[in-house]
């Protein structure tokens, strides 16, 4: 939506329209034309203009809050489609093709809002720029889907549906209740963290009927599963997310709690690391980068640390359930990296994966 708004403002400047602090945008999902704020729009030179917007996800806790969006608009000559998109700095591209990673909804927004304004016979070129996109992409799992260099523009509607939203928890618990009530339920469940986990788990032989996608409310989901009758639960997620559980952080959205560097460093110290090794782990930009660096410097220590992390997650989950008076559940952990490789399973996780795979 913010990309389309910046593009609409840039096209207006290209056509000599006076700047307005909002542009009318047809949202499509949901339908309706609404004014969307933009921060600036100006012609830079003949045939070239810039539009700028700033993401505001509302009350949702979203990585893109405050993200500046630039769109450069220009007229194109020669044959071709009426609209050509060029990914600029900070925009994620498909590693295999180099093309911008845009959802169908993003393209439909541009089509609906720009096509009627492009005169017949002219072609419009847009260069998309997210100045801070490359840095923010390091905090996502884009690379696991083959998207590199920045943030993917993968929205499916104008309204934010965040994993930290309480409504998301309610939806997850409602789906959990339906799973438990379904015929044939035998106490097994795999809680996958995010789209990456949901996509990867079946490829590893975990039965799709056992998969329940969860957002950031992992603590309440664990308790809800125990109270609903789940007896064996595998947590399957990205290592940079699940490591928070090893520190007792059971709401994992970064806006509410982080502590990943501290948890990683503490567990590394317990595993015997010291001095420069601990400093390097604590100072790394991400858990992924920290573990990659440690693997190069000391593969044995890296392996032991991964095993300690997974075991700590399983232990903390048991303690969390006990502290909430929930029935006992065998909770296992399986952690994968951004290359979509499972790097470690806890002791319980190993047994659960073997059991669940045998159920296919």
Protein backbone atom coordinates (compact mmCIF):
# COMPACT_ATOMS: atom_id res chain seq x y z
CA UNK A 1 0.00 0.00 0.00
CA UNK A 2 2.76 2.45 0.92
CA UNK A 3 4.66 1.53 -2.23
CA UNK A 4 1.57 2.22 -4.34
CA UNK A 5 1.05 5.55 -2.57
CA UNK A 6 4.63 6.65 -3.24
CA UNK A 7 4.28 5.54 -6.86
CA UNK A 8 1.02 7.46 -7.25
CA UNK A 9 2.65 10.59 -5.80
CA UNK A 10 5.68 10.20 -8.09
CA UNK A 11 3.46 9.82 -11.16
CA UNK A 12 1.52 12.92 -10.15
CA UNK A 13 4.75 14.92 -9.89
CA UNK A 14 5.90 13.54 -13.24
CA UNK A 15 2.68 14.88 -14.79
CA UNK A 16 3.00 18.28 -13.13
CA UNK A 17 0.36 17.86 -10.43
CA UNK A 18 0.80 20.05 -7.32
CA UNK A 19 1.96 18.12 -4.25
CA UNK A 20 -0.70 16.93 -1.83
CA UNK A 21 -0.05 15.34 1.56
CA UNK A 22 -2.31 12.41 0.66
CA UNK A 23 -3.11 10.54 -2.52
CA UNK A 24 -6.36 8.70 -3.31
CA UNK A 25 -5.75 4.98 -3.44
CA UNK A 26 -8.04 2.11 -4.37
CA UNK A 27 -7.08 -0.57 -1.83
CA UNK A 28 -8.83 -3.54 -3.50
CA UNK A 29 -8.49 -5.63 -0.29
CA UNK A 30 -10.75 -4.28 1.20
CA UNK A 31 -12.35 -2.37 -1.67
CA UNK A 32 -12.65 1.39 -1.49
CA UNK A 33 -10.74 4.57 -2.31
CA UNK A 34 -9.09 6.15 0.72
CA UNK A 35 -6.53 8.95 1.14
CA UNK A 36 -3.08 7.56 1.96
CA UNK A 37 -0.47 9.96 3.42
CA UNK A 38 2.71 10.67 1.49
CA UNK A 39 5.68 12.66 2.70
CA UNK A 40 7.02 14.23 -0.49
CA UNK A 41 6.82 14.26 -4.27
CA UNK A 42 8.81 16.33 -6.72
CA UNK A 43 10.09 16.39 -10.27
CA UNK A 44 13.85 15.90 -10.18
CA UNK A 45 14.47 16.70 -13.82
CA UNK A 46 12.58 16.54 -17.06
CA UNK A 47 10.99 13.11 -17.31
CA UNK A 48 11.98 11.98 -13.81
CA UNK A 49 10.13 12.38 -10.48
CA UNK A 50 10.35 11.02 -6.94
CA UNK A 51 7.58 10.09 -4.51
CA UNK A 52 8.09 9.25 -0.84
CA UNK A 53 5.88 7.60 1.74
CA UNK A 54 6.45 6.18 5.22
CA UNK A 55 4.96 2.91 6.45
CA UNK A 56 2.50 3.13 9.32
CA UNK A 57 1.04 -0.29 10.21
CA UNK A 58 -1.33 1.21 12.78
CA UNK A 59 -1.58 -0.56 16.11
CA UNK A 60 0.08 -3.71 14.85
CA UNK A 61 3.65 -4.51 15.86
CA UNK A 62 5.36 -4.61 12.52
CA UNK A 63 8.94 -4.66 11.28
CA UNK A 64 8.12 -2.04 8.65
CA UNK A 65 6.91 0.64 11.06
CA UNK A 66 8.59 3.90 10.01
CA UNK A 67 10.08 2.33 6.85
CA UNK A 68 10.70 5.01 4.23
CA UNK A 69 9.61 4.13 0.69
CA UNK A 70 10.93 5.92 -2.39
CA UNK A 71 9.64 5.46 -5.92
CA UNK A 72 11.33 7.03 -8.94
CA UNK A 73 9.00 7.45 -11.91
CA UNK A 74 10.06 8.10 -15.51
CA UNK A 75 8.67 7.78 -19.01
CA UNK A 76 10.11 4.97 -21.10
CA UNK A 77 10.65 4.82 -24.84
CA UNK A 78 10.51 1.84 -27.15
CA UNK A 79 8.34 -1.26 -27.18
CA UNK A 80 7.19 -3.11 -24.09
CA UNK A 81 4.51 -3.30 -21.44
CA UNK A 82 2.94 -0.15 -20.09
CA UNK A 83 4.69 -0.61 -16.71
CA UNK A 84 8.21 -1.76 -15.93
CA UNK A 85 9.43 -2.23 -12.36
CA UNK A 86 13.08 -2.02 -11.36
CA UNK A 87 14.19 -3.10 -7.86
CA UNK A 88 16.44 -0.51 -6.28
CA UNK A 89 18.34 -0.48 -3.00
CA UNK A 90 16.69 -2.42 -0.19
CA UNK A 91 14.07 -4.18 -2.31
CA UNK A 92 14.25 -7.96 -2.12
CA UNK A 93 14.83 -9.82 -5.36
CA UNK A 94 14.54 -13.48 -6.30
CA UNK A 95 18.09 -14.77 -6.16
CA UNK A 96 17.62 -16.95 -9.23
CA UNK A 97 16.17 -14.28 -11.54
CA UNK A 98 17.05 -10.90 -10.03
CA UNK A 99 13.42 -9.81 -10.37
CA UNK A 100 11.74 -7.82 -7.61
CA UNK A 101 9.82 -9.97 -5.13
CA UNK A 102 6.33 -8.50 -5.28
CA UNK A 103 3.09 -10.20 -4.37
CA UNK A 104 0.18 -10.35 -6.78
CA UNK A 105 -1.63 -7.86 -4.53
CA UNK A 106 1.23 -5.34 -4.81
CA UNK A 107 1.12 -5.57 -8.59
CA UNK A 108 -2.67 -5.29 -8.64
CA UNK A 109 -2.51 -2.12 -6.54
CA UNK A 110 -0.09 -0.54 -9.00
CA UNK A 111 -2.24 -1.63 -11.94
CA UNK A 112 -5.48 -0.32 -10.47
CA UNK A 113 -4.10 3.03 -9.32
CA UNK A 114 -1.60 3.92 -12.05
CA UNK A 115 -2.88 2.43 -15.30
CA UNK A 116 -5.81 4.86 -15.70
CA UNK A 117 -3.40 7.79 -15.32
CA UNK A 118 -0.84 6.74 -17.94
CA UNK A 119 -1.68 8.30 -21.31
CA UNK A 120 -2.17 5.96 -24.25
CA UNK A 121 1.05 5.24 -26.05
CA UNK A 122 3.28 6.02 -23.08
CA UNK A 123 5.18 3.56 -20.90
CA UNK A 124 5.96 4.11 -17.23
CA UNK A 125 9.11 2.93 -15.46
CA UNK A 126 9.26 2.72 -11.66
CA UNK A 127 12.39 2.22 -9.60
CA UNK A 128 11.48 0.96 -6.12
CA UNK A 129 13.75 1.88 -3.21
CA UNK A 130 13.59 0.96 0.48
CA UNK A 131 16.58 2.85 1.96
CA UNK A 132 16.61 0.73 5.12
CA UNK A 133 15.33 -2.46 3.52
CA UNK A 134 18.62 -4.34 3.32
CA UNK A 135 19.26 -3.93 7.06
CA UNK A 136 15.73 -4.86 8.07
CA UNK A 137 15.79 -7.93 5.81
CA UNK A 138 18.49 -9.40 8.06
CA UNK A 139 15.79 -9.73 10.73
CA UNK A 140 13.53 -11.76 8.45
CA UNK A 141 13.65 -15.22 6.90
CA UNK A 142 13.58 -13.87 3.34
CA UNK A 143 16.80 -15.63 2.42
CA UNK A 144 15.24 -18.99 3.27
CA UNK A 145 12.80 -18.40 0.41
CA UNK A 146 15.54 -17.35 -2.02
CA UNK A 147 14.89 -13.62 -1.59
CA UNK A 148 18.05 -11.54 -1.20
CA UNK A 149 19.24 -7.91 -0.98
CA UNK A 150 16.24 -6.51 0.86
CA UNK A 151 12.62 -6.78 1.92
CA UNK A 152 10.08 -8.67 -0.12
CA UNK A 153 6.90 -6.77 -0.96
CA UNK A 154 4.54 -9.62 -0.17
CA UNK A 155 1.42 -8.04 1.30
CA UNK A 156 -1.92 -9.62 0.46
CA UNK A 157 -4.26 -6.90 1.75
CA UNK A 158 -4.22 -3.36 3.08
CA UNK A 159 -5.02 -4.32 6.67
CA UNK A 160 -2.17 -5.56 8.84
CA UNK A 161 -2.47 -9.06 10.29
CA UNK A 162 0.44 -9.29 12.68
CA UNK A 163 1.68 -12.34 14.51
CA UNK A 164 1.74 -10.30 17.71
CA UNK A 165 -1.93 -9.29 17.39
CA UNK A 166 -4.15 -10.78 20.15
CA UNK A 167 -6.67 -11.66 17.44
CA UNK A 168 -4.02 -13.88 15.88
CA UNK A 169 -3.71 -15.77 19.16
CA UNK A 170 -7.48 -16.23 19.28
CA UNK A 171 -7.46 -17.64 15.75
CA UNK A 172 -4.64 -20.04 16.61
CA UNK A 173 -6.38 -21.29 19.74
CA UNK A 174 -9.63 -21.73 17.81
CA UNK A 175 -7.82 -23.81 15.19
CA UNK A 176 -6.15 -25.79 17.97
CA UNK A 177 -9.54 -26.60 19.49
CA UNK A 178 -10.75 -27.83 16.12
CA UNK A 179 -7.71 -30.08 15.71
CA UNK A 180 -8.15 -31.65 19.12
CA UNK A 181 -11.87 -32.24 18.54
CA UNK A 182 -11.32 -33.85 15.14
CA UNK A 183 -11.78 -37.62 14.75
CA UNK A 184 -8.51 -39.49 14.95
CA UNK A 185 -6.67 -36.98 17.14
CA UNK A 186 -4.13 -38.94 19.18
CA UNK A 187 -2.39 -36.26 21.22
CA UNK A 188 0.28 -35.31 18.64
CA UNK A 189 0.90 -31.73 17.42
CA UNK A 190 3.60 -29.82 15.56
CA UNK A 191 3.60 -26.07 16.24
CA UNK A 192 5.33 -24.38 13.32
CA UNK A 193 6.60 -20.83 13.68
CA UNK A 194 5.70 -18.69 10.68
CA UNK A 195 5.42 -19.42 6.97
CA UNK A 196 8.93 -20.83 6.75
CA UNK A 197 8.14 -23.58 9.23
CA UNK A 198 4.80 -24.29 7.59
CA UNK A 199 6.46 -24.70 4.21
CA UNK A 200 9.51 -26.67 5.37
CA UNK A 201 7.97 -29.14 7.82
CA UNK A 202 6.12 -31.33 5.24
CA UNK A 203 9.28 -31.55 3.15
CA UNK A 204 10.98 -33.18 6.11
CA UNK A 205 8.29 -35.79 6.44
CA UNK A 206 6.18 -34.20 9.17
CA UNK A 207 2.51 -34.94 8.46
CA UNK A 208 0.59 -31.85 7.28
CA UNK A 209 -2.40 -32.80 9.44
CA UNK A 210 -0.25 -32.31 12.57
CA UNK A 211 0.89 -28.79 11.67
CA UNK A 212 -0.47 -25.77 13.50
CA UNK A 213 0.94 -22.39 12.52
CA UNK A 214 1.59 -20.06 15.45
CA UNK A 215 2.63 -16.44 15.68
CA UNK A 216 4.50 -14.88 18.55
CA UNK A 217 2.20 -15.95 21.41
CA UNK A 218 4.02 -19.21 22.02
CA UNK A 219 3.47 -19.35 25.77
CA UNK A 220 -0.33 -19.22 25.62
CA UNK A 221 -0.31 -21.66 22.71
CA UNK A 222 1.73 -24.14 24.75
CA UNK A 223 -0.61 -23.86 27.72
CA UNK A 224 -3.67 -24.00 25.49
CA UNK A 225 -2.36 -27.16 23.81
CA UNK A 226 -1.68 -28.83 27.15
CA UNK A 227 -5.10 -27.97 28.51
CA UNK A 228 -6.77 -29.16 25.29
CA UNK A 229 -5.25 -32.62 25.58
CA UNK A 230 -2.09 -32.48 23.48
CA UNK A 231 0.39 -34.99 24.86
CA UNK A 232 3.33 -34.63 22.47
CA UNK A 233 4.23 -31.26 20.94
CA UNK A 234 7.10 -30.40 18.61
CA UNK A 235 8.14 -26.77 18.25
CA UNK A 236 9.48 -26.34 14.72
CA UNK A 237 10.93 -22.94 13.93
CA UNK A 238 13.75 -20.65 12.93
CA UNK A 239 16.70 -20.64 15.33
CA UNK A 240 16.73 -16.86 15.66
CA UNK A 241 13.15 -16.95 16.93
CA UNK A 242 13.07 -20.06 19.10
CA UNK A 243 16.27 -19.16 20.97
CA UNK A 244 14.20 -16.63 22.92
CA UNK A 245 12.40 -19.52 24.61
CA UNK A 246 15.74 -20.72 25.97
CA UNK A 247 15.83 -17.45 27.92
CA UNK A 248 12.28 -17.78 29.22
CA UNK A 249 10.82 -15.31 26.69
CA UNK A 250 7.50 -16.79 25.54
CA UNK A 251 6.15 -13.85 23.56
CA UNK A 252 8.71 -13.65 20.81
CA UNK A 253 7.92 -10.44 18.90
CA UNK A 254 10.99 -8.23 18.84
CA UNK A 255 9.00 -5.12 19.81
CA UNK A 256 8.09 -6.69 23.15
CA UNK A 257 11.19 -8.70 24.05
CA UNK A 258 14.48 -9.59 22.48
CA UNK A 259 17.43 -10.76 24.55
CA UNK A 260 18.71 -13.12 21.84
CA UNK A 261 22.32 -11.94 22.10
CA UNK A 262 22.24 -12.27 25.87
CA UNK A 263 20.73 -15.76 25.80
CA UNK A 264 23.18 -16.92 23.16
CA UNK A 265 26.15 -15.52 25.05
CA UNK A 266 25.08 -16.97 28.40
CA UNK A 267 24.58 -20.45 26.95
CA UNK A 268 27.90 -20.23 25.13
CA UNK A 269 29.62 -19.34 28.42
CA UNK A 270 28.01 -22.37 30.06
CA UNK A 271 29.40 -24.44 27.20
CA UNK A 272 32.91 -23.19 27.94
CA UNK A 273 33.34 -20.20 25.61
CA UNK A 274 35.10 -17.13 26.93
CA UNK A 275 36.75 -13.85 26.03
CA UNK A 276 36.81 -12.93 22.35
CA UNK A 277 34.41 -15.74 21.43
CA UNK A 278 31.71 -14.40 23.72
CA UNK A 279 32.31 -10.85 22.53
CA UNK A 280 31.94 -11.95 18.90
CA UNK A 281 28.72 -13.82 19.62
CA UNK A 282 27.23 -10.91 21.55
CA UNK A 283 28.21 -8.36 18.92
CA UNK A 284 26.92 -10.25 15.88
CA UNK A 285 24.05 -8.66 13.99
CA UNK A 286 21.89 -11.80 14.16
CA UNK A 287 21.86 -15.25 15.72
CA UNK A 288 22.41 -16.59 12.21
CA UNK A 289 25.57 -14.52 11.77
CA UNK A 290 26.80 -15.38 15.27
CA UNK A 291 26.45 -19.12 14.73
CA UNK A 292 27.95 -18.98 11.24
CA UNK A 293 31.02 -17.18 12.60
CA UNK A 294 31.37 -19.63 15.48
CA UNK A 295 31.02 -22.57 13.12
CA UNK A 296 33.96 -21.31 11.11
CA UNK A 297 36.11 -20.60 14.16
CA UNK A 298 35.23 -23.63 16.30
CA UNK A 299 32.85 -26.20 14.74
CA UNK A 300 32.89 -28.42 17.81
CA UNK A 301 31.85 -25.59 20.11
CA UNK A 302 29.17 -24.52 17.63
CA UNK A 303 27.69 -28.02 17.64
CA UNK A 304 27.69 -28.22 21.41
CA UNK A 305 26.12 -24.78 21.69
CA UNK A 306 23.32 -25.65 19.28
CA UNK A 307 22.57 -28.78 21.30
CA UNK A 308 22.52 -26.77 24.53
CA UNK A 309 20.15 -24.22 23.01
CA UNK A 310 17.69 -26.90 21.89
CA UNK A 311 17.82 -28.66 25.26
CA UNK A 312 17.36 -25.33 27.06
CA UNK A 313 14.26 -24.59 24.98
CA UNK A 314 12.74 -27.94 25.89
CA UNK A 315 13.54 -27.45 29.57
CA UNK A 316 12.15 -23.91 29.66
CA UNK A 317 8.93 -25.08 28.01
CA UNK A 318 8.44 -27.70 30.70
CA UNK A 319 9.06 -25.09 33.39
CA UNK A 320 6.62 -22.69 31.71
CA UNK A 321 3.86 -25.30 31.61
CA UNK A 322 4.47 -26.24 35.25
CA UNK A 323 4.39 -22.60 36.35
CA UNK A 324 0.96 -22.22 34.73
CA UNK A 325 -0.43 -25.40 36.26
CA UNK A 326 -0.85 -27.03 32.87
CA UNK A 327 -0.95 -30.81 32.36
CA UNK A 328 2.39 -32.39 31.43
CA UNK A 329 3.34 -32.47 27.75
CA UNK A 330 6.39 -33.92 26.02
CA UNK A 331 7.71 -30.77 24.33
CA UNK A 332 10.48 -31.09 21.75
CA UNK A 333 12.34 -28.47 19.74
CA UNK A 334 13.67 -28.53 16.18
CA UNK A 335 15.53 -25.48 14.89
CA UNK A 336 16.33 -24.60 11.28
CA UNK A 337 18.48 -21.84 9.78
CA UNK A 338 17.92 -19.38 6.96
CA UNK A 339 19.18 -21.92 4.44
CA UNK A 340 16.14 -24.02 5.45
CA UNK A 341 18.30 -26.69 7.00
CA UNK A 342 17.39 -28.24 10.34
CA UNK A 343 20.49 -27.60 12.43
CA UNK A 344 19.59 -29.21 15.74
CA UNK A 345 16.86 -31.01 17.65
CA UNK A 346 16.59 -31.34 21.39
CA UNK A 347 16.52 -34.79 22.98
CA UNK A 348 12.72 -34.82 23.04
CA UNK A 349 12.60 -33.30 19.57
CA UNK A 350 14.60 -36.16 18.09
CA UNK A 351 12.16 -38.73 19.49
CA UNK A 352 9.10 -36.77 18.38
CA UNK A 353 10.33 -36.31 14.82
CA UNK A 354 10.97 -40.02 14.55
CA UNK A 355 7.48 -40.76 15.89
CA UNK A 356 5.72 -38.21 13.68
CA UNK A 357 7.53 -39.27 10.52
CA UNK A 358 6.48 -42.84 11.20
CA UNK A 359 2.86 -41.68 11.25
CA UNK A 360 2.87 -40.59 7.59
